[in-house]
Amino acid sequence: MEAKQKKQFKRESAMQRIFLAIAVSCGLVCTVTAQQPTHETGTLAQEQVQPPPNQVIAVYFHRTQRCPTCKRIGTLTQQAVTKKYAAELRTKSVEVRLIDFEDEKNSHLTNYYKIKSPTLILLDVKDGKVTRWKAMPKVWQLIGRPDMFEDYVQQGVKSYLSETPTPNEANR
């Protein structure tokens, strides 16, 4: 009987260690996830690292199941912004985000921006609040013309950046 109890104890102990490992892993994942920016209607919640007071954020809202064209729009958007605004990306004054608008956790954004289908929008953010935004509908027409797509996205970002003071200008 004692041997059977030892075997049971070892099995329970092993299960407890596995459970603990899973719990710790989940805790790490939850901690990393919690540090990611979260969105509220019309505002962006504070991050661990304070974002600059003025930002332009390109947000591509996509479906959970993405077709090749949708994937290409996301890729071309990231490339267009990275190519022209690498320095601004490093300082976080420009960002690109891909968001699944069918995911329930993003429903507040989907509702606020009235997203019904895959859409690229630009956000002008001041002190963590979206002050204005615009849809970029021509990405669908320009998908087969990468140079024009790139120019369209870059000009959209530029239009908001040119009206946004740089950190040095804001301190003058």
Protein backbone atom coordinates (compact mmCIF):
# COMPACT_ATOMS: atom_id res chain seq x y z
CA MET A 1 0.00 0.00 0.00
CA GLU A 2 2.84 2.39 0.85
CA ALA A 3 4.44 1.86 -2.58
CA LYS A 4 1.11 2.69 -4.19
CA GLN A 5 0.87 5.92 -2.14
CA LYS A 6 4.43 6.92 -3.12
CA LYS A 7 3.57 6.34 -6.78
CA GLN A 8 0.39 8.41 -6.39
CA PHE A 9 2.37 11.16 -4.61
CA LYS A 10 4.98 11.23 -7.40
CA ARG A 11 2.22 11.42 -10.03
CA GLU A 12 0.48 14.28 -8.17
CA SER A 13 3.81 16.04 -7.64
CA ALA A 14 4.62 15.76 -11.36
CA MET A 15 1.17 17.10 -12.25
CA GLN A 16 1.65 20.01 -9.84
CA ARG A 17 5.01 20.85 -11.46
CA ILE A 18 3.44 20.72 -14.93
CA PHE A 19 0.55 22.91 -13.76
CA LEU A 20 3.02 25.36 -12.18
CA ALA A 21 5.07 25.51 -15.39
CA ILE A 22 1.94 26.20 -17.42
CA ALA A 23 0.78 28.84 -14.95
CA VAL A 24 4.17 30.57 -15.01
CA SER A 25 4.24 30.46 -18.82
CA CYS A 26 0.72 31.84 -18.98
CA GLY A 27 1.69 34.56 -16.53
CA LEU A 28 4.59 35.58 -18.75
CA VAL A 29 2.38 35.62 -21.83
CA CYS A 30 -0.27 37.61 -19.98
CA THR A 31 2.36 40.06 -18.73
CA VAL A 32 3.77 40.59 -22.22
CA THR A 33 0.26 40.95 -23.62
CA ALA A 34 -0.70 43.41 -20.89
CA GLN A 35 2.27 45.59 -21.83
CA GLN A 36 1.06 45.89 -25.42
CA PRO A 37 -0.96 49.00 -26.23
CA THR A 38 -4.64 48.60 -25.61
CA HIS A 39 -7.29 50.62 -27.32
CA GLU A 40 -10.26 52.46 -25.95
CA THR A 41 -12.85 54.33 -27.95
CA GLY A 42 -11.05 57.36 -29.30
CA THR A 43 -7.99 56.97 -27.07
CA LEU A 44 -4.87 54.89 -26.84
CA ALA A 45 -4.07 53.61 -23.36
CA GLN A 46 -0.68 54.41 -21.85
CA GLU A 47 2.15 52.00 -22.61
CA GLN A 48 5.04 51.05 -20.35
CA VAL A 49 7.29 53.27 -22.48
CA GLN A 50 5.70 56.68 -22.81
CA PRO A 51 4.88 57.34 -26.48
CA PRO A 52 5.68 60.73 -27.97
CA PRO A 53 2.97 63.37 -27.55
CA ASN A 54 2.25 63.37 -31.29
CA GLN A 55 1.93 60.25 -33.41
CA VAL A 56 0.66 59.12 -36.78
CA ILE A 57 -0.53 55.52 -36.72
CA ALA A 58 -1.38 53.53 -39.85
CA VAL A 59 -3.86 50.83 -38.85
CA TYR A 60 -4.78 48.07 -41.26
CA PHE A 61 -7.96 46.34 -40.13
CA HIS A 62 -8.10 42.83 -41.58
CA ARG A 63 -10.28 39.74 -41.26
CA THR A 64 -9.27 36.70 -39.22
CA GLN A 65 -8.97 34.67 -42.43
CA ARG A 66 -6.84 36.79 -44.72
CA CYS A 67 -6.78 36.38 -48.48
CA PRO A 68 -3.53 36.95 -50.42
CA THR A 69 -4.64 40.48 -51.37
CA CYS A 70 -5.32 41.42 -47.74
CA LYS A 71 -1.93 40.05 -46.70
CA ARG A 72 -0.30 42.04 -49.50
CA ILE A 73 -1.99 45.27 -48.40
CA GLY A 74 -0.63 44.75 -44.88
CA THR A 75 2.85 43.99 -46.20
CA LEU A 76 2.91 46.91 -48.65
CA THR A 77 1.68 49.29 -45.95
CA GLN A 78 4.44 48.20 -43.59
CA GLN A 79 7.04 48.47 -46.35
CA ALA A 80 5.87 51.92 -47.48
CA VAL A 81 6.01 53.32 -43.96
CA THR A 82 9.30 51.61 -43.08
CA LYS A 83 10.98 52.79 -46.29
CA LYS A 84 10.15 56.48 -45.80
CA TYR A 85 9.78 56.82 -42.02
CA ALA A 86 12.39 54.54 -40.43
CA ALA A 87 13.59 57.26 -38.02
CA GLU A 88 10.01 58.11 -37.02
CA LEU A 89 9.27 54.42 -36.44
CA ARG A 90 12.23 54.20 -34.04
CA THR A 91 10.95 57.16 -32.02
CA LYS A 92 7.36 55.85 -32.26
CA SER A 93 6.13 59.10 -33.77
CA VAL A 94 4.95 56.85 -36.62
CA GLU A 95 3.58 53.34 -36.12
CA VAL A 96 1.97 50.63 -38.20
CA ARG A 97 -0.52 48.26 -36.59
CA LEU A 98 -2.38 45.31 -38.03
CA ILE A 99 -5.67 44.58 -36.25
CA ASP A 100 -8.10 41.71 -36.76
CA PHE A 101 -11.45 43.49 -36.87
CA GLU A 102 -13.35 40.21 -36.53
CA ASP A 103 -11.73 39.45 -33.17
CA GLU A 104 -14.18 40.27 -30.38
CA LYS A 105 -11.47 41.99 -28.32
CA ASN A 106 -11.23 44.63 -31.07
CA SER A 107 -14.98 45.23 -31.40
CA HIS A 108 -14.77 48.66 -29.74
CA LEU A 109 -12.37 49.79 -32.48
CA THR A 110 -14.43 48.15 -35.20
CA ASN A 111 -17.54 49.94 -33.96
CA TYR A 112 -15.85 53.30 -33.37
CA TYR A 113 -14.29 53.43 -36.85
CA LYS A 114 -17.30 51.68 -38.47
CA ILE A 115 -15.12 48.95 -39.98
CA LYS A 116 -17.14 46.53 -42.12
CA SER A 117 -14.39 45.16 -44.36
CA PRO A 118 -10.59 45.25 -44.55
CA THR A 119 -9.59 48.91 -44.32
CA LEU A 120 -6.47 51.01 -43.89
CA ILE A 121 -6.92 54.12 -41.76
CA LEU A 122 -4.52 56.77 -40.54
CA LEU A 123 -4.82 58.14 -37.01
CA ASP A 124 -3.52 61.49 -35.86
CA VAL A 125 -2.81 61.09 -32.14
CA LYS A 126 -2.11 63.94 -29.73
CA ASP A 127 -1.25 63.16 -26.11
CA GLY A 128 -2.67 59.65 -26.44
CA LYS A 129 -5.99 60.73 -27.98
CA VAL A 130 -7.07 60.31 -31.57
CA THR A 131 -7.80 63.84 -32.74
CA ARG A 132 -8.71 62.88 -36.30
CA TRP A 133 -8.52 59.99 -38.67
CA LYS A 134 -9.06 59.17 -42.31
CA ALA A 135 -9.68 56.06 -44.35
CA MET A 136 -7.27 55.20 -47.15
CA PRO A 137 -9.63 53.44 -49.60
CA LYS A 138 -7.40 53.61 -52.67
CA VAL A 139 -5.14 50.82 -51.35
CA TRP A 140 -7.53 48.37 -53.03
CA GLN A 141 -7.21 50.12 -56.40
CA LEU A 142 -3.44 50.44 -56.13
CA ILE A 143 -2.61 46.91 -54.94
CA GLY A 144 -1.33 45.96 -58.41
CA ARG A 145 0.83 49.10 -58.64
CA PRO A 146 3.26 48.93 -55.70
CA ASP A 147 4.99 52.24 -56.49
CA MET A 148 1.70 54.14 -56.52
CA PHE A 149 0.52 52.25 -53.42
CA GLU A 150 3.72 53.22 -51.61
CA ASP A 151 3.39 56.87 -52.64
CA TYR A 152 -0.29 56.97 -51.61
CA VAL A 153 0.43 55.61 -48.11
CA GLN A 154 3.55 57.75 -47.63
CA GLN A 155 1.70 60.91 -48.70
CA GLY A 156 -1.12 60.10 -46.28
CA VAL A 157 1.33 59.74 -43.40
CA LYS A 158 3.19 62.87 -44.52
CA SER A 159 -0.02 64.91 -44.54
CA TYR A 160 -0.52 64.20 -40.83
CA LEU A 161 3.17 64.49 -39.95
CA SER A 162 3.52 67.86 -41.65
CA GLU A 163 0.74 69.19 -39.42
CA THR A 164 2.21 67.57 -36.31
CA PRO A 165 5.04 69.44 -34.58
CA THR A 166 8.20 67.44 -34.08
CA PRO A 167 9.34 66.98 -30.46
CA ASN A 168 11.93 69.78 -30.92
CA GLU A 169 9.33 72.17 -32.38
CA ALA A 170 6.84 71.39 -29.62
CA ASN A 171 9.37 72.42 -26.96
CA ARG A 172 10.15 75.82 -28.52
